[in-house]
Amino acid sequence: MQKTVQIKTEFIRLGDLLKFSGIADTGGEAKEMVQAGICEVDGEVCTMRGKKLRPGNTVRVIFEDDTAEISLEYREGYPIPAGEAADK
């Protein structure tokens, strides 16, 4: 399963992204997923639920029988922070 999530803030935390995208139903479920080591951020296992993710990051959640991949991008009309490329 592949999803693209648009955010209107500078960043979103990993646990919140899992809930917002519908991968996890609750914060407790998101916490368990992260602590179990089944989440990757840009190809590296991440066990920090509070990890700040920004547009351009890709998150993969690897289940026993499926993999979910989430790409982040800015919501249209959101002002891109200074110092970031407009094509991200």
PDB file of N, CA and C in Angstrom:
ATOM      1  N   MET A   1       0.849  -1.175   0.000  1.00  0.00           N
ATOM      2  CA  MET A   1       0.000   0.000   0.000  1.00  0.00           C
ATOM      3  C   MET A   1       0.897   1.242   0.000  1.00  0.00           C
ATOM      4  N   GLN A   2       0.601   2.185  -0.857  1.00  0.00           N
ATOM      5  CA  GLN A   2       1.344   3.439  -0.921  1.00  0.00           C
ATOM      6  C   GLN A   2       0.395   4.608  -0.715  1.00  0.00           C
ATOM      7  N   LYS A   3       0.836   5.566   0.093  1.00  0.00           N
ATOM      8  CA  LYS A   3       0.042   6.755   0.363  1.00  0.00           C
ATOM      9  C   LYS A   3       0.930   7.976   0.289  1.00  0.00           C
ATOM     10  N   THR A   4       0.328   9.086  -0.075  1.00  0.00           N
ATOM     11  CA  THR A   4       1.007  10.374   0.018  1.00  0.00           C
ATOM     12  C   THR A   4       0.206  11.212   0.989  1.00  0.00           C
ATOM     13  N   VAL A   5       0.886  11.740   1.988  1.00  0.00           N
ATOM     14  CA  VAL A   5       0.233  12.555   2.999  1.00  0.00           C
ATOM     15  C   VAL A   5       0.717  13.991   2.842  1.00  0.00           C
ATOM     16  N   GLN A   6      -0.229  14.904   2.781  1.00  0.00           N
ATOM     17  CA  GLN A   6       0.100  16.324   2.677  1.00  0.00           C
ATOM     18  C   GLN A   6      -0.053  16.968   4.043  1.00  0.00           C
ATOM     19  N   ILE A   7       0.968  17.714   4.448  1.00  0.00           N
ATOM     20  CA  ILE A   7       0.906  18.398   5.731  1.00  0.00           C
ATOM     21  C   ILE A   7       0.970  19.896   5.518  1.00  0.00           C
ATOM     22  N   LYS A   8       0.424  20.648   6.461  1.00  0.00           N
ATOM     23  CA  LYS A   8       0.438  22.100   6.353  1.00  0.00           C
ATOM     24  C   LYS A   8       1.280  22.734   7.452  1.00  0.00           C
ATOM     25  N   THR A   9       2.091  21.917   8.100  1.00  0.00           N
ATOM     26  CA  THR A   9       3.011  22.389   9.120  1.00  0.00           C
ATOM     27  C   THR A   9       4.424  22.057   8.681  1.00  0.00           C
ATOM     28  N   GLU A  10       5.398  22.562   9.406  1.00  0.00           N
ATOM     29  CA  GLU A  10       6.793  22.318   9.036  1.00  0.00           C
ATOM     30  C   GLU A  10       7.160  20.845   9.158  1.00  0.00           C
ATOM     31  N   PHE A  11       6.592  20.159  10.161  1.00  0.00           N
ATOM     32  CA  PHE A  11       6.904  18.749  10.369  1.00  0.00           C
ATOM     33  C   PHE A  11       5.713  18.043  11.012  1.00  0.00           C
ATOM     34  N   ILE A  12       5.790  16.707  11.051  1.00  0.00           N
ATOM     35  CA  ILE A  12       4.823  15.879  11.766  1.00  0.00           C
ATOM     36  C   ILE A  12       5.631  14.787  12.446  1.00  0.00           C
ATOM     37  N   ARG A  13       5.240  14.410  13.641  1.00  0.00           N
ATOM     38  CA  ARG A  13       5.953  13.354  14.363  1.00  0.00           C
ATOM     39  C   ARG A  13       5.507  11.980  13.859  1.00  0.00           C
ATOM     40  N   LEU A  14       6.421  11.022  13.951  1.00  0.00           N
ATOM     41  CA  LEU A  14       6.172   9.687  13.404  1.00  0.00           C
ATOM     42  C   LEU A  14       4.890   9.065  13.951  1.00  0.00           C
ATOM     43  N   GLY A  15       4.690   9.086  15.255  1.00  0.00           N
ATOM     44  CA  GLY A  15       3.480   8.507  15.833  1.00  0.00           C
ATOM     45  C   GLY A  15       2.221   9.171  15.316  1.00  0.00           C
ATOM     46  N   ASP A  16       2.271  10.496  15.180  1.00  0.00           N
ATOM     47  CA  ASP A  16       1.115  11.233  14.661  1.00  0.00           C
ATOM     48  C   ASP A  16       0.856  10.903  13.196  1.00  0.00           C
ATOM     49  N   LEU A  17       1.925  10.721  12.424  1.00  0.00           N
ATOM     50  CA  LEU A  17       1.765  10.365  11.014  1.00  0.00           C
ATOM     51  C   LEU A  17       1.089   8.999  10.869  1.00  0.00           C
ATOM     52  N   LEU A  18       1.476   8.055  11.711  1.00  0.00           N
ATOM     53  CA  LEU A  18       0.874   6.727  11.635  1.00  0.00           C
ATOM     54  C   LEU A  18      -0.626   6.799  11.912  1.00  0.00           C
ATOM     55  N   LYS A  19      -1.027   7.639  12.870  1.00  0.00           N
ATOM     56  CA  LYS A  19      -2.459   7.816  13.156  1.00  0.00           C
ATOM     57  C   LYS A  19      -3.150   8.589  12.038  1.00  0.00           C
ATOM     58  N   PHE A  20      -2.571   9.714  11.617  1.00  0.00           N
ATOM     59  CA  PHE A  20      -3.162  10.586  10.604  1.00  0.00           C
ATOM     60  C   PHE A  20      -3.385   9.848   9.282  1.00  0.00           C
ATOM     61  N   SER A  21      -2.453   8.968   8.939  1.00  0.00           N
ATOM     62  CA  SER A  21      -2.543   8.242   7.670  1.00  0.00           C
ATOM     63  C   SER A  21      -3.474   7.031   7.754  1.00  0.00           C
ATOM     64  N   GLY A  22      -3.907   6.677   8.964  1.00  0.00           N
ATOM     65  CA  GLY A  22      -4.793   5.534   9.123  1.00  0.00           C
ATOM     66  C   GLY A  22      -4.081   4.205   9.286  1.00  0.00           C
ATOM     67  N   ILE A  23      -2.762   4.217   9.341  1.00  0.00           N
ATOM     68  CA  ILE A  23      -2.004   2.976   9.532  1.00  0.00           C
ATOM     69  C   ILE A  23      -2.246   2.446  10.951  1.00  0.00           C
ATOM     70  N   ALA A  24      -2.291   3.366  11.921  1.00  0.00           N
ATOM     71  CA  ALA A  24      -2.587   3.004  13.313  1.00  0.00           C
ATOM     72  C   ALA A  24      -3.920   3.643  13.698  1.00  0.00           C
ATOM     73  N   ASP A  25      -4.712   2.912  14.456  1.00  0.00           N
ATOM     74  CA  ASP A  25      -6.006   3.438  14.893  1.00  0.00           C
ATOM     75  C   ASP A  25      -5.876   4.342  16.114  1.00  0.00           C
ATOM     76  N   THR A  26      -4.888   4.071  16.969  1.00  0.00           N
ATOM     77  CA  THR A  26      -4.720   4.832  18.207  1.00  0.00           C
ATOM     78  C   THR A  26      -3.255   5.194  18.417  1.00  0.00           C
ATOM     79  N   GLY A  27      -3.031   6.102  19.340  1.00  0.00           N
ATOM     80  CA  GLY A  27      -1.660   6.456  19.689  1.00  0.00           C
ATOM     81  C   GLY A  27      -0.924   5.279  20.304  1.00  0.00           C
ATOM     82  N   GLY A  28      -1.644   4.470  21.085  1.00  0.00           N
ATOM     83  CA  GLY A  28      -1.026   3.285  21.680  1.00  0.00           C
ATOM     84  C   GLY A  28      -0.588   2.276  20.637  1.00  0.00           C
ATOM     85  N   GLU A  29      -1.408   2.130  19.609  1.00  0.00           N
ATOM     86  CA  GLU A  29      -1.049   1.207  18.516  1.00  0.00           C
ATOM     87  C   GLU A  29       0.160   1.733  17.749  1.00  0.00           C
ATOM     88  N   ALA A  30       0.203   3.045  17.520  1.00  0.00           N
ATOM     89  CA  ALA A  30       1.355   3.650  16.835  1.00  0.00           C
ATOM     90  C   ALA A  30       2.627   3.442  17.658  1.00  0.00           C
ATOM     91  N   LYS A  31       2.516   3.631  18.966  1.00  0.00           N
ATOM     92  CA  LYS A  31       3.657   3.449  19.864  1.00  0.00           C
ATOM     93  C   LYS A  31       4.183   2.015  19.775  1.00  0.00           C
ATOM     94  N   GLU A  32       3.281   1.033  19.788  1.00  0.00           N
ATOM     95  CA  GLU A  32       3.686  -0.366  19.694  1.00  0.00           C
ATOM     96  C   GLU A  32       4.396  -0.659  18.378  1.00  0.00           C
ATOM     97  N   MET A  33       3.882  -0.099  17.280  1.00  0.00           N
ATOM     98  CA  MET A  33       4.508  -0.314  15.964  1.00  0.00           C
ATOM     99  C   MET A  33       5.938   0.220  15.951  1.00  0.00           C
ATOM    100  N   VAL A  34       6.095   1.426  16.471  1.00  0.00           N
ATOM    101  CA  VAL A  34       7.422   2.055  16.466  1.00  0.00           C
ATOM    102  C   VAL A  34       8.375   1.275  17.366  1.00  0.00           C
ATOM    103  N   GLN A  35       7.929   0.924  18.570  1.00  0.00           N
ATOM    104  CA  GLN A  35       8.785   0.195  19.503  1.00  0.00           C
ATOM    105  C   GLN A  35       9.133  -1.201  19.005  1.00  0.00           C
ATOM    106  N   ALA A  36       8.271  -1.791  18.186  1.00  0.00           N
ATOM    107  CA  ALA A  36       8.531  -3.122  17.636  1.00  0.00           C
ATOM    108  C   ALA A  36       9.596  -3.093  16.543  1.00  0.00           C
ATOM    109  N   GLY A  37       9.952  -1.897  16.087  1.00  0.00           N
ATOM    110  CA  GLY A  37      10.994  -1.780  15.067  1.00  0.00           C
ATOM    111  C   GLY A  37      10.521  -2.084  13.660  1.00  0.00           C
ATOM    112  N   ILE A  38       9.208  -1.955  13.410  1.00  0.00           N
ATOM    113  CA  ILE A  38       8.702  -2.258  12.066  1.00  0.00           C
ATOM    114  C   ILE A  38       8.571  -1.003  11.207  1.00  0.00           C
ATOM    115  N   CYS A  39       9.017   0.155  11.737  1.00  0.00           N
ATOM    116  CA  CYS A  39       8.931   1.415  10.988  1.00  0.00           C
ATOM    117  C   CYS A  39      10.319   1.823  10.499  1.00  0.00           C
ATOM    118  N   GLU A  40      10.380   2.217   9.248  1.00  0.00           N
ATOM    119  CA  GLU A  40      11.615   2.736   8.665  1.00  0.00           C
ATOM    120  C   GLU A  40      11.366   4.156   8.190  1.00  0.00           C
ATOM    121  N   VAL A  41      12.336   5.025   8.430  1.00  0.00           N
ATOM    122  CA  VAL A  41      12.299   6.384   7.909  1.00  0.00           C
ATOM    123  C   VAL A  41      13.471   6.512   6.948  1.00  0.00           C
ATOM    124  N   ASP A  42      13.162   6.764   5.709  1.00  0.00           N
ATOM    125  CA  ASP A  42      14.181   6.866   4.654  1.00  0.00           C
ATOM    126  C   ASP A  42      15.131   5.669   4.644  1.00  0.00           C
ATOM    127  N   GLY A  43      14.546   4.470   4.826  1.00  0.00           N
ATOM    128  CA  GLY A  43      15.316   3.241   4.710  1.00  0.00           C
ATOM    129  C   GLY A  43      16.014   2.768   5.972  1.00  0.00           C
ATOM    130  N   GLU A  44      15.897   3.508   7.082  1.00  0.00           N
ATOM    131  CA  GLU A  44      16.541   3.115   8.333  1.00  0.00           C
ATOM    132  C   GLU A  44      15.483   2.881   9.405  1.00  0.00           C
ATOM    133  N   VAL A  45      15.631   1.797  10.170  1.00  0.00           N
ATOM    134  CA  VAL A  45      14.688   1.497  11.242  1.00  0.00           C
ATOM    135  C   VAL A  45      14.677   2.654  12.234  1.00  0.00           C
ATOM    136  N   CYS A  46      13.484   3.070  12.626  1.00  0.00           N
ATOM    137  CA  CYS A  46      13.331   4.182  13.570  1.00  0.00           C
ATOM    138  C   CYS A  46      12.457   3.723  14.736  1.00  0.00           C
ATOM    139  N   THR A  47      12.977   3.854  15.943  1.00  0.00           N
ATOM    140  CA  THR A  47      12.226   3.474  17.136  1.00  0.00           C
ATOM    141  C   THR A  47      11.886   4.702  17.988  1.00  0.00           C
ATOM    142  N   MET A  48      11.923   5.881  17.371  1.00  0.00           N
ATOM    143  CA  MET A  48      11.584   7.122  18.076  1.00  0.00           C
ATOM    144  C   MET A  48      10.213   7.598  17.607  1.00  0.00           C
ATOM    145  N   ARG A  49       9.217   7.430  18.456  1.00  0.00           N
ATOM    146  CA  ARG A  49       7.854   7.827  18.098  1.00  0.00           C
ATOM    147  C   ARG A  49       7.755   9.322  17.831  1.00  0.00           C
ATOM    148  N   GLY A  50       8.599  10.112  18.504  1.00  0.00           N
ATOM    149  CA  GLY A  50       8.569  11.560  18.354  1.00  0.00           C
ATOM    150  C   GLY A  50       9.464  12.087  17.242  1.00  0.00           C
ATOM    151  N   LYS A  51      10.010  11.208  16.423  1.00  0.00           N
ATOM    152  CA  LYS A  51      10.883  11.619  15.310  1.00  0.00           C
ATOM    153  C   LYS A  51      10.151  12.618  14.426  1.00  0.00           C
ATOM    154  N   LYS A  52      10.794  13.762  14.175  1.00  0.00           N
ATOM    155  CA  LYS A  52      10.189  14.796  13.332  1.00  0.00           C
ATOM    156  C   LYS A  52      10.399  14.437  11.862  1.00  0.00           C
ATOM    157  N   LEU A  53       9.305  14.387  11.134  1.00  0.00           N
ATOM    158  CA  LEU A  53       9.349  14.070   9.708  1.00  0.00           C
ATOM    159  C   LEU A  53       8.935  15.293   8.913  1.00  0.00           C
ATOM    160  N   ARG A  54       9.609  15.501   7.811  1.00  0.00           N
ATOM    161  CA  ARG A  54       9.329  16.648   6.951  1.00  0.00           C
ATOM    162  C   ARG A  54       9.057  16.165   5.533  1.00  0.00           C
ATOM    163  N   PRO A  55       8.399  17.008   4.736  1.00  0.00           N
ATOM    164  CA  PRO A  55       8.191  16.637   3.336  1.00  0.00           C
ATOM    165  C   PRO A  55       9.512  16.208   2.688  1.00  0.00           C
ATOM    166  N   GLY A  56       9.427  15.151   1.937  1.00  0.00           N
ATOM    167  CA  GLY A  56      10.618  14.556   1.342  1.00  0.00           C
ATOM    168  C   GLY A  56      10.992  13.258   2.041  1.00  0.00           C
ATOM    169  N   ASN A  57      10.558  13.096   3.312  1.00  0.00           N
ATOM    170  CA  ASN A  57      10.802  11.845   4.030  1.00  0.00           C
ATOM    171  C   ASN A  57       9.828  10.774   3.545  1.00  0.00           C
ATOM    172  N   THR A  58      10.278   9.528   3.610  1.00  0.00           N
ATOM    173  CA  THR A  58       9.428   8.390   3.282  1.00  0.00           C
ATOM    174  C   THR A  58       9.433   7.440   4.463  1.00  0.00           C
ATOM    175  N   VAL A  59       8.261   6.991   4.860  1.00  0.00           N
ATOM    176  CA  VAL A  59       8.108   6.073   5.981  1.00  0.00           C
ATOM    177  C   VAL A  59       7.570   4.749   5.451  1.00  0.00           C
ATOM    178  N   ARG A  60       8.190   3.657   5.865  1.00  0.00           N
ATOM    179  CA  ARG A  60       7.699   2.315   5.523  1.00  0.00           C
ATOM    180  C   ARG A  60       7.365   1.599   6.818  1.00  0.00           C
ATOM    181  N   VAL A  61       6.218   0.948   6.834  1.00  0.00           N
ATOM    182  CA  VAL A  61       5.819   0.112   7.957  1.00  0.00           C
ATOM    183  C   VAL A  61       5.728  -1.308   7.412  1.00  0.00           C
ATOM    184  N   ILE A  62       6.539  -2.197   7.966  1.00  0.00           N
ATOM    185  CA  ILE A  62       6.652  -3.543   7.433  1.00  0.00           C
ATOM    186  C   ILE A  62       5.893  -4.513   8.344  1.00  0.00           C
ATOM    187  N   PHE A  63       4.753  -4.977   7.843  1.00  0.00           N
ATOM    188  CA  PHE A  63       3.945  -5.958   8.555  1.00  0.00           C
ATOM    189  C   PHE A  63       4.351  -7.354   8.085  1.00  0.00           C
ATOM    190  N   GLU A  64       3.837  -8.381   8.739  1.00  0.00           N
ATOM    191  CA  GLU A  64       4.168  -9.756   8.346  1.00  0.00           C
ATOM    192  C   GLU A  64       3.756 -10.060   6.911  1.00  0.00           C
ATOM    193  N   ASP A  65       2.594  -9.552   6.486  1.00  0.00           N
ATOM    194  CA  ASP A  65       2.068  -9.907   5.170  1.00  0.00           C
ATOM    195  C   ASP A  65       1.884  -8.724   4.217  1.00  0.00           C
ATOM    196  N   ASP A  66       2.341  -7.546   4.618  1.00  0.00           N
ATOM    197  CA  ASP A  66       2.147  -6.356   3.781  1.00  0.00           C
ATOM    198  C   ASP A  66       3.142  -5.274   4.192  1.00  0.00           C
ATOM    199  N   THR A  67       3.313  -4.309   3.331  1.00  0.00           N
ATOM    200  CA  THR A  67       4.147  -3.152   3.625  1.00  0.00           C
ATOM    201  C   THR A  67       3.382  -1.904   3.238  1.00  0.00           C
ATOM    202  N   ALA A  68       3.378  -0.926   4.131  1.00  0.00           N
ATOM    203  CA  ALA A  68       2.752   0.361   3.845  1.00  0.00           C
ATOM    204  C   ALA A  68       3.861   1.395   3.681  1.00  0.00           C
ATOM    205  N   GLU A  69       3.755   2.213   2.643  1.00  0.00           N
ATOM    206  CA  GLU A  69       4.746   3.256   2.397  1.00  0.00           C
ATOM    207  C   GLU A  69       4.038   4.597   2.336  1.00  0.00           C
ATOM    208  N   ILE A  70       4.559   5.562   3.094  1.00  0.00           N
ATOM    209  CA  ILE A  70       3.943   6.886   3.166  1.00  0.00           C
ATOM    210  C   ILE A  70       4.979   7.927   2.750  1.00  0.00           C
ATOM    211  N   SER A  71       4.625   8.746   1.784  1.00  0.00           N
ATOM    212  CA  SER A  71       5.478   9.863   1.356  1.00  0.00           C
ATOM    213  C   SER A  71       4.862  11.150   1.867  1.00  0.00           C
ATOM    214  N   LEU A  72       5.704  12.078   2.274  1.00  0.00           N
ATOM    215  CA  LEU A  72       5.233  13.365   2.787  1.00  0.00           C
ATOM    216  C   LEU A  72       5.473  14.474   1.788  1.00  0.00           C
ATOM    217  N   GLU A  73       4.516  15.379   1.689  1.00  0.00           N
ATOM    218  CA  GLU A  73       4.681  16.574   0.873  1.00  0.00           C
ATOM    219  C   GLU A  73       3.880  17.700   1.522  1.00  0.00           C
ATOM    220  N   TYR A  74       4.230  18.925   1.165  1.00  0.00           N
ATOM    221  CA  TYR A  74       3.490  20.075   1.679  1.00  0.00           C
ATOM    222  C   TYR A  74       2.143  20.180   0.984  1.00  0.00           C
ATOM    223  N   ARG A  75       1.140  20.574   1.729  1.00  0.00           N
ATOM    224  CA  ARG A  75      -0.175  20.834   1.159  1.00  0.00           C
ATOM    225  C   ARG A  75      -0.067  22.062   0.251  1.00  0.00           C
ATOM    226  N   GLU A  76      -0.763  22.028  -0.857  1.00  0.00           N
ATOM    227  CA  GLU A  76      -0.739  23.146  -1.799  1.00  0.00           C
ATOM    228  C   GLU A  76      -1.116  24.440  -1.081  1.00  0.00           C
ATOM    229  N   GLY A  77      -0.348  25.476  -1.346  1.00  0.00           N
ATOM    230  CA  GLY A  77      -0.615  26.766  -0.734  1.00  0.00           C
ATOM    231  C   GLY A  77       0.142  26.993   0.557  1.00  0.00           C
ATOM    232  N   TYR A  78       0.794  25.927   1.091  1.00  0.00           N
ATOM    233  CA  TYR A  78       1.554  26.097   2.321  1.00  0.00           C
ATOM    234  C   TYR A  78       2.870  26.771   1.977  1.00  0.00           C
ATOM    235  N   PRO A  79       3.245  27.822   2.707  1.00  0.00           N
ATOM    236  CA  PRO A  79       4.522  28.486   2.412  1.00  0.00           C
ATOM    237  C   PRO A  79       5.697  27.596   2.809  1.00  0.00           C
ATOM    238  N   ILE A  80       6.544  27.283   1.851  1.00  0.00           N
ATOM    239  CA  ILE A  80       7.701  26.425   2.118  1.00  0.00           C
ATOM    240  C   ILE A  80       8.693  27.224   2.963  1.00  0.00           C
ATOM    241  N   PRO A  81       9.171  26.634   4.085  1.00  0.00           N
ATOM    242  CA  PRO A  81      10.108  27.340   4.963  1.00  0.00           C
ATOM    243  C   PRO A  81      11.365  27.781   4.226  1.00  0.00           C
ATOM    244  N   ALA A  82      11.913  28.917   4.648  1.00  0.00           N
ATOM    245  CA  ALA A  82      13.131  29.452   4.036  1.00  0.00           C
ATOM    246  C   ALA A  82      14.233  28.394   4.098  1.00  0.00           C
ATOM    247  N   GLY A  83      15.020  28.303   3.048  1.00  0.00           N
ATOM    248  CA  GLY A  83      16.122  27.361   3.008  1.00  0.00           C
ATOM    249  C   GLY A  83      15.756  26.015   2.413  1.00  0.00           C
ATOM    250  N   GLU A  84      14.501  25.763   2.122  1.00  0.00           N
ATOM    251  CA  GLU A  84      14.102  24.497   1.511  1.00  0.00           C
ATOM    252  C   GLU A  84      13.808  24.717   0.031  1.00  0.00           C
ATOM    253  N   ALA A  85      14.191  23.743  -0.763  1.00  0.00           N
ATOM    254  CA  ALA A  85      13.965  23.844  -2.197  1.00  0.00           C
ATOM    255  C   ALA A  85      12.474  23.785  -2.492  1.00  0.00           C
ATOM    256  N   ALA A  86      12.039  24.555  -3.453  1.00  0.00           N
ATOM    257  CA  ALA A  86      10.627  24.605  -3.813  1.00  0.00           C
ATOM    258  C   ALA A  86      10.149  23.330  -4.483  1.00  0.00           C
ATOM    259  N   ASP A  87      11.078  22.502  -5.002  1.00  0.00           N
ATOM    260  CA  ASP A  87      10.669  21.289  -5.698  1.00  0.00           C
ATOM    261  C   ASP A  87      10.541  20.080  -4.777  1.00  0.00           C
ATOM    262  N   LYS A  88      10.704  20.246  -3.472  1.00  0.00           N
ATOM    263  CA  LYS A  88      10.612  19.098  -2.550  1.00  0.00           C
ATOM    264  C   LYS A  88       9.207  18.623  -2.408  1.00  0.00           C
TER     265      LYS A  88
END
